[in-house]
Amino acid sequence: MTFSGVAYFIFTLLLAAVFAGIILYYYNPKRKQEIEKPKHRMLDDDDN
C-alpha cells in the first residue's frame, strides 16, 4: 500500500469511530429523559 492508501484507510477508520461514538452517546439510556423532553414539551398546553 502506498502512503495515500494508508492515510485514507486511517482517516476512514477515524471517521467511523467518531460516528460510532456519536451514536453511542446519543442513544445512551441515561440520556433518554433529556432526548424525550422536547417531544413532551411540544405536546404540553400553553395555557398558563
PDB file of N, CA and C in Angstrom:
ATOM      1  N   MET A   1       0.836  -1.188   0.000  1.00  0.00           N
ATOM      2  CA  MET A   1       0.000   0.000   0.000  1.00  0.00           C
ATOM      3  C   MET A   1       0.879   1.248   0.000  1.00  0.00           C
ATOM      4  N   THR A   2       0.391   2.224  -0.680  1.00  0.00           N
ATOM      5  CA  THR A   2       1.109   3.493  -0.703  1.00  0.00           C
ATOM      6  C   THR A   2       0.728   4.322   0.520  1.00  0.00           C
ATOM      7  N   PHE A   3       1.456   5.411   0.718  1.00  0.00           N
ATOM      8  CA  PHE A   3       1.174   6.283   1.851  1.00  0.00           C
ATOM      9  C   PHE A   3      -0.246   6.845   1.775  1.00  0.00           C
ATOM     10  N   SER A   4      -0.683   7.242   0.592  1.00  0.00           N
ATOM     11  CA  SER A   4      -2.026   7.815   0.465  1.00  0.00           C
ATOM     12  C   SER A   4      -3.097   6.766   0.756  1.00  0.00           C
ATOM     13  N   GLY A   5      -2.855   5.532   0.384  1.00  0.00           N
ATOM     14  CA  GLY A   5      -3.803   4.464   0.684  1.00  0.00           C
ATOM     15  C   GLY A   5      -3.926   4.230   2.175  1.00  0.00           C
ATOM     16  N   VAL A   6      -2.804   4.221   2.864  1.00  0.00           N
ATOM     17  CA  VAL A   6      -2.813   4.041   4.318  1.00  0.00           C
ATOM     18  C   VAL A   6      -3.476   5.241   4.987  1.00  0.00           C
ATOM     19  N   ALA A   7      -3.193   6.444   4.500  1.00  0.00           N
ATOM     20  CA  ALA A   7      -3.785   7.655   5.075  1.00  0.00           C
ATOM     21  C   ALA A   7      -5.299   7.639   4.909  1.00  0.00           C
ATOM     22  N   TYR A   8      -5.796   7.257   3.743  1.00  0.00           N
ATOM     23  CA  TYR A   8      -7.239   7.175   3.532  1.00  0.00           C
ATOM     24  C   TYR A   8      -7.864   6.106   4.433  1.00  0.00           C
ATOM     25  N   PHE A   9      -7.184   5.000   4.610  1.00  0.00           N
ATOM     26  CA  PHE A   9      -7.696   3.921   5.458  1.00  0.00           C
ATOM     27  C   PHE A   9      -7.792   4.382   6.909  1.00  0.00           C
ATOM     28  N   ILE A  10      -6.760   5.040   7.402  1.00  0.00           N
ATOM     29  CA  ILE A  10      -6.762   5.538   8.787  1.00  0.00           C
ATOM     30  C   ILE A  10      -7.841   6.609   8.954  1.00  0.00           C
ATOM     31  N   PHE A  11      -7.973   7.503   7.978  1.00  0.00           N
ATOM     32  CA  PHE A  11      -8.990   8.542   8.027  1.00  0.00           C
ATOM     33  C   PHE A  11     -10.391   7.929   8.048  1.00  0.00           C
ATOM     34  N   THR A  12     -10.617   6.898   7.261  1.00  0.00           N
ATOM     35  CA  THR A  12     -11.913   6.219   7.240  1.00  0.00           C
ATOM     36  C   THR A  12     -12.204   5.565   8.580  1.00  0.00           C
ATOM     37  N   LEU A  13     -11.215   4.912   9.169  1.00  0.00           N
ATOM     38  CA  LEU A  13     -11.407   4.313  10.488  1.00  0.00           C
ATOM     39  C   LEU A  13     -11.691   5.370  11.544  1.00  0.00           C
ATOM     40  N   LEU A  14     -11.009   6.504  11.459  1.00  0.00           N
ATOM     41  CA  LEU A  14     -11.234   7.594  12.403  1.00  0.00           C
ATOM     42  C   LEU A  14     -12.655   8.144  12.277  1.00  0.00           C
ATOM     43  N   LEU A  15     -13.118   8.360  11.066  1.00  0.00           N
ATOM     44  CA  LEU A  15     -14.481   8.839  10.863  1.00  0.00           C
ATOM     45  C   LEU A  15     -15.516   7.831  11.357  1.00  0.00           C
ATOM     46  N   ALA A  16     -15.270   6.549  11.124  1.00  0.00           N
ATOM     47  CA  ALA A  16     -16.188   5.516  11.601  1.00  0.00           C
ATOM     48  C   ALA A  16     -16.226   5.492  13.125  1.00  0.00           C
ATOM     49  N   ALA A  17     -15.085   5.670  13.768  1.00  0.00           N
ATOM     50  CA  ALA A  17     -15.037   5.683  15.228  1.00  0.00           C
ATOM     51  C   ALA A  17     -15.768   6.905  15.788  1.00  0.00           C
ATOM     52  N   VAL A  18     -15.606   8.058  15.155  1.00  0.00           N
ATOM     53  CA  VAL A  18     -16.309   9.265  15.597  1.00  0.00           C
ATOM     54  C   VAL A  18     -17.814   9.081  15.426  1.00  0.00           C
ATOM     55  N   PHE A  19     -18.229   8.540  14.313  1.00  0.00           N
ATOM     56  CA  PHE A  19     -19.651   8.303  14.061  1.00  0.00           C
ATOM     57  C   PHE A  19     -20.225   7.324  15.079  1.00  0.00           C
ATOM     58  N   ALA A  20     -19.514   6.250  15.363  1.00  0.00           N
ATOM     59  CA  ALA A  20     -19.967   5.273  16.361  1.00  0.00           C
ATOM     60  C   ALA A  20     -20.047   5.918  17.743  1.00  0.00           C
ATOM     61  N   GLY A  21     -19.098   6.777  18.071  1.00  0.00           N
ATOM     62  CA  GLY A  21     -19.128   7.475  19.354  1.00  0.00           C
ATOM     63  C   GLY A  21     -20.329   8.387  19.478  1.00  0.00           C
ATOM     64  N   ILE A  22     -20.662   9.087  18.412  1.00  0.00           N
ATOM     65  CA  ILE A  22     -21.836   9.970  18.432  1.00  0.00           C
ATOM     66  C   ILE A  22     -23.111   9.143  18.616  1.00  0.00           C
ATOM     67  N   ILE A  23     -23.210   8.044  17.909  1.00  0.00           N
ATOM     68  CA  ILE A  23     -24.390   7.179  18.027  1.00  0.00           C
ATOM     69  C   ILE A  23     -24.506   6.630  19.441  1.00  0.00           C
ATOM     70  N   LEU A  24     -23.416   6.138  19.994  1.00  0.00           N
ATOM     71  CA  LEU A  24     -23.450   5.593  21.350  1.00  0.00           C
ATOM     72  C   LEU A  24     -23.782   6.673  22.377  1.00  0.00           C
ATOM     73  N   TYR A  25     -23.267   7.871  22.190  1.00  0.00           N
ATOM     74  CA  TYR A  25     -23.548   8.968  23.118  1.00  0.00           C
ATOM     75  C   TYR A  25     -25.027   9.346  23.058  1.00  0.00           C
ATOM     76  N   TYR A  26     -25.571   9.440  21.846  1.00  0.00           N
ATOM     77  CA  TYR A  26     -26.954   9.888  21.684  1.00  0.00           C
ATOM     78  C   TYR A  26     -27.947   8.853  22.198  1.00  0.00           C
ATOM     79  N   TYR A  27     -27.707   7.588  21.934  1.00  0.00           N
ATOM     80  CA  TYR A  27     -28.650   6.536  22.313  1.00  0.00           C
ATOM     81  C   TYR A  27     -28.352   5.923  23.674  1.00  0.00           C
ATOM     82  N   ASN A  28     -27.547   6.587  24.479  1.00  0.00           N
ATOM     83  CA  ASN A  28     -27.263   6.128  25.829  1.00  0.00           C
ATOM     84  C   ASN A  28     -28.548   6.173  26.653  1.00  0.00           C
ATOM     85  N   PRO A  29     -28.908   5.093  27.353  1.00  0.00           N
ATOM     86  CA  PRO A  29     -30.151   5.079  28.132  1.00  0.00           C
ATOM     87  C   PRO A  29     -30.206   6.169  29.205  1.00  0.00           C
ATOM     88  N   LYS A  30     -29.077   6.626  29.678  1.00  0.00           N
ATOM     89  CA  LYS A  30     -29.060   7.678  30.695  1.00  0.00           C
ATOM     90  C   LYS A  30     -29.551   9.013  30.125  1.00  0.00           C
ATOM     91  N   ARG A  31     -29.466   9.202  28.815  1.00  0.00           N
ATOM     92  CA  ARG A  31     -29.870  10.452  28.183  1.00  0.00           C
ATOM     93  C   ARG A  31     -31.302  10.421  27.666  1.00  0.00           C
ATOM     94  N   LYS A  32     -32.019   9.326  27.849  1.00  0.00           N
ATOM     95  CA  LYS A  32     -33.363   9.178  27.297  1.00  0.00           C
ATOM     96  C   LYS A  32     -34.289  10.303  27.746  1.00  0.00           C
ATOM     97  N   GLN A  33     -34.265  10.654  29.031  1.00  0.00           N
ATOM     98  CA  GLN A  33     -35.134  11.709  29.549  1.00  0.00           C
ATOM     99  C   GLN A  33     -34.838  13.044  28.865  1.00  0.00           C
ATOM    100  N   GLU A  34     -33.568  13.351  28.678  1.00  0.00           N
ATOM    101  CA  GLU A  34     -33.183  14.612  28.048  1.00  0.00           C
ATOM    102  C   GLU A  34     -33.579  14.652  26.575  1.00  0.00           C
ATOM    103  N   ILE A  35     -33.498  13.517  25.910  1.00  0.00           N
ATOM    104  CA  ILE A  35     -33.840  13.443  24.495  1.00  0.00           C
ATOM    105  C   ILE A  35     -35.348  13.541  24.306  1.00  0.00           C
ATOM    106  N   GLU A  36     -36.120  12.954  25.202  1.00  0.00           N
ATOM    107  CA  GLU A  36     -37.574  12.941  25.090  1.00  0.00           C
ATOM    108  C   GLU A  36     -38.210  14.259  25.535  1.00  0.00           C
ATOM    109  N   LYS A  37     -37.488  15.111  26.239  1.00  0.00           N
ATOM    110  CA  LYS A  37     -38.047  16.353  26.785  1.00  0.00           C
ATOM    111  C   LYS A  37     -38.679  17.253  25.724  1.00  0.00           C
ATOM    112  N   PRO A  38     -38.021  17.536  24.591  1.00  0.00           N
ATOM    113  CA  PRO A  38     -38.660  18.416  23.598  1.00  0.00           C
ATOM    114  C   PRO A  38     -39.957  17.837  23.032  1.00  0.00           C
ATOM    115  N   LYS A  39     -40.024  16.531  22.893  1.00  0.00           N
ATOM    116  CA  LYS A  39     -41.240  15.909  22.368  1.00  0.00           C
ATOM    117  C   LYS A  39     -42.410  16.145  23.313  1.00  0.00           C
ATOM    118  N   HIS A  40     -42.181  15.990  24.596  1.00  0.00           N
ATOM    119  CA  HIS A  40     -43.255  16.181  25.565  1.00  0.00           C
ATOM    120  C   HIS A  40     -43.578  17.655  25.743  1.00  0.00           C
ATOM    121  N   ARG A  41     -42.599  18.528  25.627  1.00  0.00           N
ATOM    122  CA  ARG A  41     -42.830  19.955  25.744  1.00  0.00           C
ATOM    123  C   ARG A  41     -43.704  20.451  24.603  1.00  0.00           C
ATOM    124  N   MET A  42     -43.544  19.857  23.426  1.00  0.00           N
ATOM    125  CA  MET A  42     -44.354  20.248  22.282  1.00  0.00           C
ATOM    126  C   MET A  42     -45.827  19.901  22.496  1.00  0.00           C
ATOM    127  N   LEU A  43     -46.089  18.832  23.244  1.00  0.00           N
ATOM    128  CA  LEU A  43     -47.459  18.398  23.478  1.00  0.00           C
ATOM    129  C   LEU A  43     -48.121  19.073  24.674  1.00  0.00           C
ATOM    130  N   ASP A  44     -47.348  19.784  25.492  1.00  0.00           N
ATOM    131  CA  ASP A  44     -47.913  20.473  26.647  1.00  0.00           C
ATOM    132  C   ASP A  44     -48.802  21.624  26.209  1.00  0.00           C
ATOM    133  N   ASP A  45     -49.781  21.926  27.031  1.00  0.00           N
ATOM    134  CA  ASP A  45     -50.667  23.075  26.767  1.00  0.00           C
ATOM    135  C   ASP A  45     -49.926  24.371  27.073  1.00  0.00           C
ATOM    136  N   ASP A  46     -50.225  25.404  26.304  1.00  0.00           N
ATOM    137  CA  ASP A  46     -49.601  26.703  26.516  1.00  0.00           C
ATOM    138  C   ASP A  46     -50.445  27.604  27.425  1.00  0.00           C
ATOM    139  N   ASP A  47     -51.562  27.100  27.925  1.00  0.00           N
ATOM    140  CA  ASP A  47     -52.441  27.888  28.779  1.00  0.00           C
ATOM    141  C   ASP A  47     -51.857  28.002  30.175  1.00  0.00           C
ATOM    142  N   ASN A  48     -51.292  29.138  30.481  1.00  0.00           N
ATOM    143  CA  ASN A  48     -50.726  29.362  31.811  1.00  0.00           C
ATOM    144  C   ASN A  48     -51.503  30.431  32.529  1.00  0.00           C
TER     145      ASN A  48
END
